[in-house]
Amino acid sequence: MAAFLLATFVAACGATADATPIRTDAADASTGPTDPSATSLPGITPTDLPDPGPTELPPSEAPITEAPSASADAGSAAACSGTPENRDFFAAVADAVSWPVYCPVLPDGWFVDSGQYRLAGGAWMEVGFQGPGGARLDLREGAICTGDDCAPEGTDLGAADFGDLSGTLRDLGGGRYAVVVDPGASPSWSLVATGLSEADARSIAAELALVGG
């Protein structure tokens, strides 16, 4: 099966106060807690940054044509879908933070259209994917929102897996579903799927791979 992500569940829960939209070539790119000082990921690791500010993953122009095997020679992010740069992105975050990092394992037709992480303030990561038929996934992990108002508004549909974590599935309306783990805590995890069925949203969230696991 597949796994896809869409996490823009509360705009007010952005990780930085001076957030600005990610600029990509994708028409439906979402916005998130971005920062104007974001730099491109290739060739840059967190230890290269004198002040570990946001590090941005450039959009991938090539679609994901197959889900990589966990035995692939791609280090701790071998199971992650996407290009080598996409897997390097997840591996770099996992190496730099103290909380578990998860990545999607997706079927044909999905590609990365945005991605960034920041190490300051507890650290956070967000990655967006576009898929067939206008479907979209947004994944957010880490210190993405703290406080009592971080859970997305919607109908509680009960327990759902987020990789090997236990989360909650919510129907956000308009063909959007969110699987959240520990909303309001630091760290927390969120996957929002748009244009997918409840069953597909559950399946994608359950199949998220633990980077380095």
C-alpha atoms as a PDB file:
ATOM      1  CA  MET A   1       0.000   0.000   0.000  1.00  0.00           C
ATOM      2  CA  ALA A   2       1.054   3.515   0.266  1.00  0.00           C
ATOM      3  CA  ALA A   3       1.578   6.372   2.609  1.00  0.00           C
ATOM      4  CA  PHE A   4       0.869  10.035   1.998  1.00  0.00           C
ATOM      5  CA  LEU A   5       0.924  13.134   4.162  1.00  0.00           C
ATOM      6  CA  LEU A   6      -0.742  16.547   4.522  1.00  0.00           C
ATOM      7  CA  ALA A   7      -0.082  18.580   7.626  1.00  0.00           C
ATOM      8  CA  THR A   8      -1.254  22.157   7.528  1.00  0.00           C
ATOM      9  CA  PHE A   9      -3.812  21.543  10.233  1.00  0.00           C
ATOM     10  CA  VAL A  10      -3.667  24.832  12.167  1.00  0.00           C
ATOM     11  CA  ALA A  11      -2.109  27.902  10.578  1.00  0.00           C
ATOM     12  CA  ALA A  12      -1.947  29.552  13.972  1.00  0.00           C
ATOM     13  CA  CYS A  13       0.317  26.775  15.183  1.00  0.00           C
ATOM     14  CA  GLY A  14       3.282  27.732  12.988  1.00  0.00           C
ATOM     15  CA  ALA A  15       6.686  27.164  14.570  1.00  0.00           C
ATOM     16  CA  THR A  16       7.914  30.714  14.054  1.00  0.00           C
ATOM     17  CA  ALA A  17       6.191  34.043  14.529  1.00  0.00           C
ATOM     18  CA  ASP A  18       7.684  35.574  11.376  1.00  0.00           C
ATOM     19  CA  ALA A  19       6.641  32.701   9.131  1.00  0.00           C
ATOM     20  CA  THR A  20       6.540  33.233   5.374  1.00  0.00           C
ATOM     21  CA  PRO A  21       5.305  30.882   2.635  1.00  0.00           C
ATOM     22  CA  ILE A  22       7.585  28.328   1.028  1.00  0.00           C
ATOM     23  CA  ARG A  23       8.145  29.245  -2.603  1.00  0.00           C
ATOM     24  CA  THR A  24       8.031  26.319  -4.988  1.00  0.00           C
ATOM     25  CA  ASP A  25       7.113  25.644  -8.588  1.00  0.00           C
ATOM     26  CA  ALA A  26       4.146  23.502  -7.550  1.00  0.00           C
ATOM     27  CA  ALA A  27       0.786  25.150  -8.102  1.00  0.00           C
ATOM     28  CA  ASP A  28      -0.832  23.741  -4.960  1.00  0.00           C
ATOM     29  CA  ALA A  29       2.079  24.181  -2.559  1.00  0.00           C
ATOM     30  CA  SER A  30       0.890  24.790   0.988  1.00  0.00           C
ATOM     31  CA  THR A  31       2.352  27.213   3.435  1.00  0.00           C
ATOM     32  CA  GLY A  32       3.879  26.387   6.777  1.00  0.00           C
ATOM     33  CA  PRO A  33       6.227  27.729   9.438  1.00  0.00           C
ATOM     34  CA  THR A  34       8.896  28.789   6.978  1.00  0.00           C
ATOM     35  CA  ASP A  35      11.616  31.372   7.358  1.00  0.00           C
ATOM     36  CA  PRO A  36      13.142  33.801   4.813  1.00  0.00           C
ATOM     37  CA  SER A  37      16.639  32.644   5.787  1.00  0.00           C
ATOM     38  CA  ALA A  38      15.980  29.079   4.585  1.00  0.00           C
ATOM     39  CA  THR A  39      18.761  27.567   2.502  1.00  0.00           C
ATOM     40  CA  SER A  40      18.831  24.672   0.066  1.00  0.00           C
ATOM     41  CA  LEU A  41      19.626  21.248   1.440  1.00  0.00           C
ATOM     42  CA  PRO A  42      22.041  19.679  -1.095  1.00  0.00           C
ATOM     43  CA  GLY A  43      25.575  19.782   0.262  1.00  0.00           C
ATOM     44  CA  ILE A  44      24.452  21.260   3.582  1.00  0.00           C
ATOM     45  CA  THR A  45      24.180  19.407   6.856  1.00  0.00           C
ATOM     46  CA  PRO A  46      23.002  20.834  10.182  1.00  0.00           C
ATOM     47  CA  THR A  47      26.595  21.026  11.439  1.00  0.00           C
ATOM     48  CA  ASP A  48      27.498  23.257   8.480  1.00  0.00           C
ATOM     49  CA  LEU A  49      25.079  25.945   9.645  1.00  0.00           C
ATOM     50  CA  PRO A  50      26.641  28.470  12.056  1.00  0.00           C
ATOM     51  CA  ASP A  51      23.153  29.297  13.295  1.00  0.00           C
ATOM     52  CA  PRO A  52      21.000  26.229  12.587  1.00  0.00           C
ATOM     53  CA  GLY A  53      18.162  28.060  10.915  1.00  0.00           C
ATOM     54  CA  PRO A  54      15.583  26.573   8.576  1.00  0.00           C
ATOM     55  CA  THR A  55      16.966  24.306   5.902  1.00  0.00           C
ATOM     56  CA  GLU A  56      14.802  23.904   2.828  1.00  0.00           C
ATOM     57  CA  LEU A  57      14.458  20.922   0.549  1.00  0.00           C
ATOM     58  CA  PRO A  58      13.997  22.025  -3.080  1.00  0.00           C
ATOM     59  CA  PRO A  59      10.949  20.632  -4.888  1.00  0.00           C
ATOM     60  CA  SER A  60      11.489  17.364  -6.719  1.00  0.00           C
ATOM     61  CA  GLU A  61      10.626  17.529 -10.405  1.00  0.00           C
ATOM     62  CA  ALA A  62      10.697  13.771 -10.892  1.00  0.00           C
ATOM     63  CA  PRO A  63       7.676  11.781  -9.672  1.00  0.00           C
ATOM     64  CA  ILE A  64       8.180   8.916  -7.273  1.00  0.00           C
ATOM     65  CA  THR A  65       7.923   5.902  -9.550  1.00  0.00           C
ATOM     66  CA  GLU A  66       8.266   3.196  -6.941  1.00  0.00           C
ATOM     67  CA  ALA A  67       8.537   2.809  -3.201  1.00  0.00           C
ATOM     68  CA  PRO A  68      12.176   2.099  -2.331  1.00  0.00           C
ATOM     69  CA  SER A  69      13.041  -1.083  -0.527  1.00  0.00           C
ATOM     70  CA  ALA A  70      14.201  -0.873   3.053  1.00  0.00           C
ATOM     71  CA  SER A  71      17.254  -2.853   1.966  1.00  0.00           C
ATOM     72  CA  ALA A  72      18.270  -0.155  -0.534  1.00  0.00           C
ATOM     73  CA  ASP A  73      21.698   1.397  -0.023  1.00  0.00           C
ATOM     74  CA  ALA A  74      20.459   4.740   1.285  1.00  0.00           C
ATOM     75  CA  GLY A  75      21.511   4.698   4.913  1.00  0.00           C
ATOM     76  CA  SER A  76      19.052   5.343   7.726  1.00  0.00           C
ATOM     77  CA  ALA A  77      16.418   6.726   5.323  1.00  0.00           C
ATOM     78  CA  ALA A  78      16.477   3.763   2.914  1.00  0.00           C
ATOM     79  CA  ALA A  79      12.743   3.126   3.260  1.00  0.00           C
ATOM     80  CA  CYS A  80      11.737   6.725   2.469  1.00  0.00           C
ATOM     81  CA  SER A  81      10.098   7.461  -0.872  1.00  0.00           C
ATOM     82  CA  GLY A  82      11.572   9.979  -3.262  1.00  0.00           C
ATOM     83  CA  THR A  83      14.923  11.013  -4.681  1.00  0.00           C
ATOM     84  CA  PRO A  84      18.313  10.565  -2.977  1.00  0.00           C
ATOM     85  CA  GLU A  85      18.048  14.232  -1.949  1.00  0.00           C
ATOM     86  CA  ASN A  86      14.670  13.512  -0.336  1.00  0.00           C
ATOM     87  CA  ARG A  87      16.140  10.614   1.651  1.00  0.00           C
ATOM     88  CA  ASP A  88      19.190  12.692   2.595  1.00  0.00           C
ATOM     89  CA  PHE A  89      16.803  15.322   3.938  1.00  0.00           C
ATOM     90  CA  PHE A  90      15.061  12.868   6.270  1.00  0.00           C
ATOM     91  CA  ALA A  91      18.382  11.346   7.334  1.00  0.00           C
ATOM     92  CA  ALA A  92      19.844  14.783   8.127  1.00  0.00           C
ATOM     93  CA  VAL A  93      16.879  15.663  10.323  1.00  0.00           C
ATOM     94  CA  ALA A  94      16.968  12.312  12.119  1.00  0.00           C
ATOM     95  CA  ASP A  95      20.683  12.725  12.827  1.00  0.00           C
ATOM     96  CA  ALA A  96      20.161  16.217  14.231  1.00  0.00           C
ATOM     97  CA  VAL A  97      17.130  15.853  16.524  1.00  0.00           C
ATOM     98  CA  SER A  98      16.372  13.835  19.645  1.00  0.00           C
ATOM     99  CA  TRP A  99      12.846  12.741  18.677  1.00  0.00           C
ATOM    100  CA  PRO A 100      11.829   9.954  16.255  1.00  0.00           C
ATOM    101  CA  VAL A 101      11.564  11.054  12.611  1.00  0.00           C
ATOM    102  CA  TYR A 102       9.124   9.368  10.225  1.00  0.00           C
ATOM    103  CA  CYS A 103       8.965   9.418   6.433  1.00  0.00           C
ATOM    104  CA  PRO A 104       6.366   8.238   3.906  1.00  0.00           C
ATOM    105  CA  VAL A 105       6.509   5.168   1.705  1.00  0.00           C
ATOM    106  CA  LEU A 106       4.380   6.048  -1.325  1.00  0.00           C
ATOM    107  CA  PRO A 107       3.165   4.422  -4.553  1.00  0.00           C
ATOM    108  CA  ASP A 108       3.577   5.679  -8.113  1.00  0.00           C
ATOM    109  CA  GLY A 109       2.706   9.258  -8.963  1.00  0.00           C
ATOM    110  CA  TRP A 110       3.764  11.081  -5.783  1.00  0.00           C
ATOM    111  CA  PHE A 111       6.507  13.705  -5.569  1.00  0.00           C
ATOM    112  CA  VAL A 112       7.949  16.105  -2.990  1.00  0.00           C
ATOM    113  CA  ASP A 113       6.930  19.702  -3.547  1.00  0.00           C
ATOM    114  CA  SER A 114       8.173  21.322  -0.340  1.00  0.00           C
ATOM    115  CA  GLY A 115      10.270  20.494   2.691  1.00  0.00           C
ATOM    116  CA  GLN A 116      12.223  22.199   5.436  1.00  0.00           C
ATOM    117  CA  TYR A 117      13.397  21.828   8.989  1.00  0.00           C
ATOM    118  CA  ARG A 118      14.683  24.038  11.790  1.00  0.00           C
ATOM    119  CA  LEU A 119      16.840  22.976  14.729  1.00  0.00           C
ATOM    120  CA  ALA A 120      16.233  25.934  17.040  1.00  0.00           C
ATOM    121  CA  GLY A 121      13.358  26.080  19.517  1.00  0.00           C
ATOM    122  CA  GLY A 122      12.966  22.350  19.996  1.00  0.00           C
ATOM    123  CA  ALA A 123      13.343  21.619  16.262  1.00  0.00           C
ATOM    124  CA  TRP A 124      10.665  20.876  13.692  1.00  0.00           C
ATOM    125  CA  MET A 125      10.328  19.414  10.210  1.00  0.00           C
ATOM    126  CA  GLU A 126       7.663  19.644   7.527  1.00  0.00           C
ATOM    127  CA  VAL A 127       7.428  17.990   4.102  1.00  0.00           C
ATOM    128  CA  GLY A 128       4.677  18.239   1.488  1.00  0.00           C
ATOM    129  CA  PHE A 129       3.855  15.751  -1.262  1.00  0.00           C
ATOM    130  CA  GLN A 130       1.591  16.018  -4.291  1.00  0.00           C
ATOM    131  CA  GLY A 131      -0.041  12.945  -5.757  1.00  0.00           C
ATOM    132  CA  PRO A 132      -2.378  11.715  -8.475  1.00  0.00           C
ATOM    133  CA  GLY A 133      -5.689  13.466  -9.046  1.00  0.00           C
ATOM    134  CA  GLY A 134      -4.793  16.512  -6.975  1.00  0.00           C
ATOM    135  CA  ALA A 135      -4.207  14.534  -3.774  1.00  0.00           C
ATOM    136  CA  ARG A 136      -1.831  16.060  -1.265  1.00  0.00           C
ATOM    137  CA  LEU A 137      -0.008  15.046   1.914  1.00  0.00           C
ATOM    138  CA  ASP A 138       1.615  17.266   4.516  1.00  0.00           C
ATOM    139  CA  LEU A 139       3.793  15.835   7.260  1.00  0.00           C
ATOM    140  CA  ARG A 140       4.884  17.869  10.285  1.00  0.00           C
ATOM    141  CA  GLU A 141       6.985  16.623  13.175  1.00  0.00           C
ATOM    142  CA  GLY A 142       8.714  18.041  16.249  1.00  0.00           C
ATOM    143  CA  ALA A 143       7.930  21.353  17.971  1.00  0.00           C
ATOM    144  CA  ILE A 144       5.247  22.202  15.424  1.00  0.00           C
ATOM    145  CA  CYS A 145       2.697  23.605  17.875  1.00  0.00           C
ATOM    146  CA  THR A 146       2.548  23.820  21.656  1.00  0.00           C
ATOM    147  CA  GLY A 147      -0.410  24.565  23.897  1.00  0.00           C
ATOM    148  CA  ASP A 148      -4.046  23.628  24.291  1.00  0.00           C
ATOM    149  CA  ASP A 149      -5.303  24.645  20.837  1.00  0.00           C
ATOM    150  CA  CYS A 150      -3.084  22.514  18.611  1.00  0.00           C
ATOM    151  CA  ALA A 151      -5.466  19.673  17.770  1.00  0.00           C
ATOM    152  CA  PRO A 152      -7.079  20.173  14.342  1.00  0.00           C
ATOM    153  CA  GLU A 153     -10.793  20.896  14.392  1.00  0.00           C
ATOM    154  CA  GLY A 154     -12.895  18.054  13.094  1.00  0.00           C
ATOM    155  CA  THR A 155     -14.705  14.839  13.947  1.00  0.00           C
ATOM    156  CA  ASP A 156     -12.826  12.314  16.036  1.00  0.00           C
ATOM    157  CA  LEU A 157     -12.756   8.982  14.188  1.00  0.00           C
ATOM    158  CA  GLY A 158     -10.863   7.056  16.839  1.00  0.00           C
ATOM    159  CA  ALA A 159      -7.414   5.552  17.133  1.00  0.00           C
ATOM    160  CA  ALA A 160      -5.033   5.392  14.174  1.00  0.00           C
ATOM    161  CA  ASP A 161      -1.410   4.383  13.757  1.00  0.00           C
ATOM    162  CA  PHE A 162       1.295   6.880  12.840  1.00  0.00           C
ATOM    163  CA  GLY A 163       4.075   4.479  11.947  1.00  0.00           C
ATOM    164  CA  ASP A 164       4.750   2.660  15.205  1.00  0.00           C
ATOM    165  CA  LEU A 165       3.162   5.472  17.258  1.00  0.00           C
ATOM    166  CA  SER A 166      -0.434   5.518  18.479  1.00  0.00           C
ATOM    167  CA  GLY A 167      -2.407   8.509  17.224  1.00  0.00           C
ATOM    168  CA  THR A 168      -5.913   9.763  16.523  1.00  0.00           C
ATOM    169  CA  LEU A 169      -7.683  10.149  13.185  1.00  0.00           C
ATOM    170  CA  ARG A 170      -9.839  13.240  12.619  1.00  0.00           C
ATOM    171  CA  ASP A 171     -12.153  14.065   9.730  1.00  0.00           C
ATOM    172  CA  LEU A 172     -11.421  17.721   8.939  1.00  0.00           C
ATOM    173  CA  GLY A 173     -14.129  17.965   6.283  1.00  0.00           C
ATOM    174  CA  GLY A 174     -13.800  18.688   2.587  1.00  0.00           C
ATOM    175  CA  GLY A 175     -12.022  15.409   1.886  1.00  0.00           C
ATOM    176  CA  ARG A 176      -9.278  16.056   4.454  1.00  0.00           C
ATOM    177  CA  TYR A 177      -8.140  13.702   7.212  1.00  0.00           C
ATOM    178  CA  ALA A 178      -5.495  14.193   9.884  1.00  0.00           C
ATOM    179  CA  VAL A 179      -3.649  11.643  11.981  1.00  0.00           C
ATOM    180  CA  VAL A 180      -2.112  13.353  15.007  1.00  0.00           C
ATOM    181  CA  VAL A 181       0.079  12.178  17.869  1.00  0.00           C
ATOM    182  CA  ASP A 182       0.372  14.204  21.090  1.00  0.00           C
ATOM    183  CA  PRO A 183      -0.960  17.506  19.665  1.00  0.00           C
ATOM    184  CA  GLY A 184       0.268  20.452  21.712  1.00  0.00           C
ATOM    185  CA  ALA A 185       3.268  18.581  23.087  1.00  0.00           C
ATOM    186  CA  SER A 186       6.868  18.932  21.987  1.00  0.00           C
ATOM    187  CA  PRO A 187       7.510  16.810  20.052  1.00  0.00           C
ATOM    188  CA  SER A 188       4.275  15.972  18.277  1.00  0.00           C
ATOM    189  CA  TRP A 189       3.512  14.425  14.900  1.00  0.00           C
ATOM    190  CA  SER A 190       0.877  15.212  12.288  1.00  0.00           C
ATOM    191  CA  LEU A 191      -0.067  13.855   8.875  1.00  0.00           C
ATOM    192  CA  VAL A 192      -2.836  15.559   6.892  1.00  0.00           C
ATOM    193  CA  ALA A 193      -4.169  13.933   3.736  1.00  0.00           C
ATOM    194  CA  THR A 194      -6.292  15.798   1.185  1.00  0.00           C
ATOM    195  CA  GLY A 195      -8.240  14.188  -1.640  1.00  0.00           C
ATOM    196  CA  LEU A 196      -7.933  10.677  -0.193  1.00  0.00           C
ATOM    197  CA  SER A 197     -10.369   8.259   1.398  1.00  0.00           C
ATOM    198  CA  GLU A 198     -10.414   7.587   5.126  1.00  0.00           C
ATOM    199  CA  ALA A 199      -9.026   4.111   4.466  1.00  0.00           C
ATOM    200  CA  ASP A 200      -6.137   5.461   2.409  1.00  0.00           C
ATOM    201  CA  ALA A 201      -5.337   8.133   4.994  1.00  0.00           C
ATOM    202  CA  ARG A 202      -5.211   5.467   7.694  1.00  0.00           C
ATOM    203  CA  SER A 203      -3.063   3.172   5.565  1.00  0.00           C
ATOM    204  CA  ILE A 204      -0.541   5.846   4.611  1.00  0.00           C
ATOM    205  CA  ALA A 205      -0.157   7.006   8.198  1.00  0.00           C
ATOM    206  CA  ALA A 206       0.258   3.447   9.460  1.00  0.00           C
ATOM    207  CA  GLU A 207       2.984   2.744   6.904  1.00  0.00           C
ATOM    208  CA  LEU A 208       5.159   5.731   7.774  1.00  0.00           C
ATOM    209  CA  ALA A 209       8.715   4.463   8.234  1.00  0.00           C
ATOM    210  CA  LEU A 210      10.885   5.293  11.218  1.00  0.00           C
ATOM    211  CA  VAL A 211      14.101   6.816   9.871  1.00  0.00           C
ATOM    212  CA  GLY A 212      16.973   4.802  11.248  1.00  0.00           C
ATOM    213  CA  GLY A 213      14.602   2.201  12.600  1.00  0.00           C
END
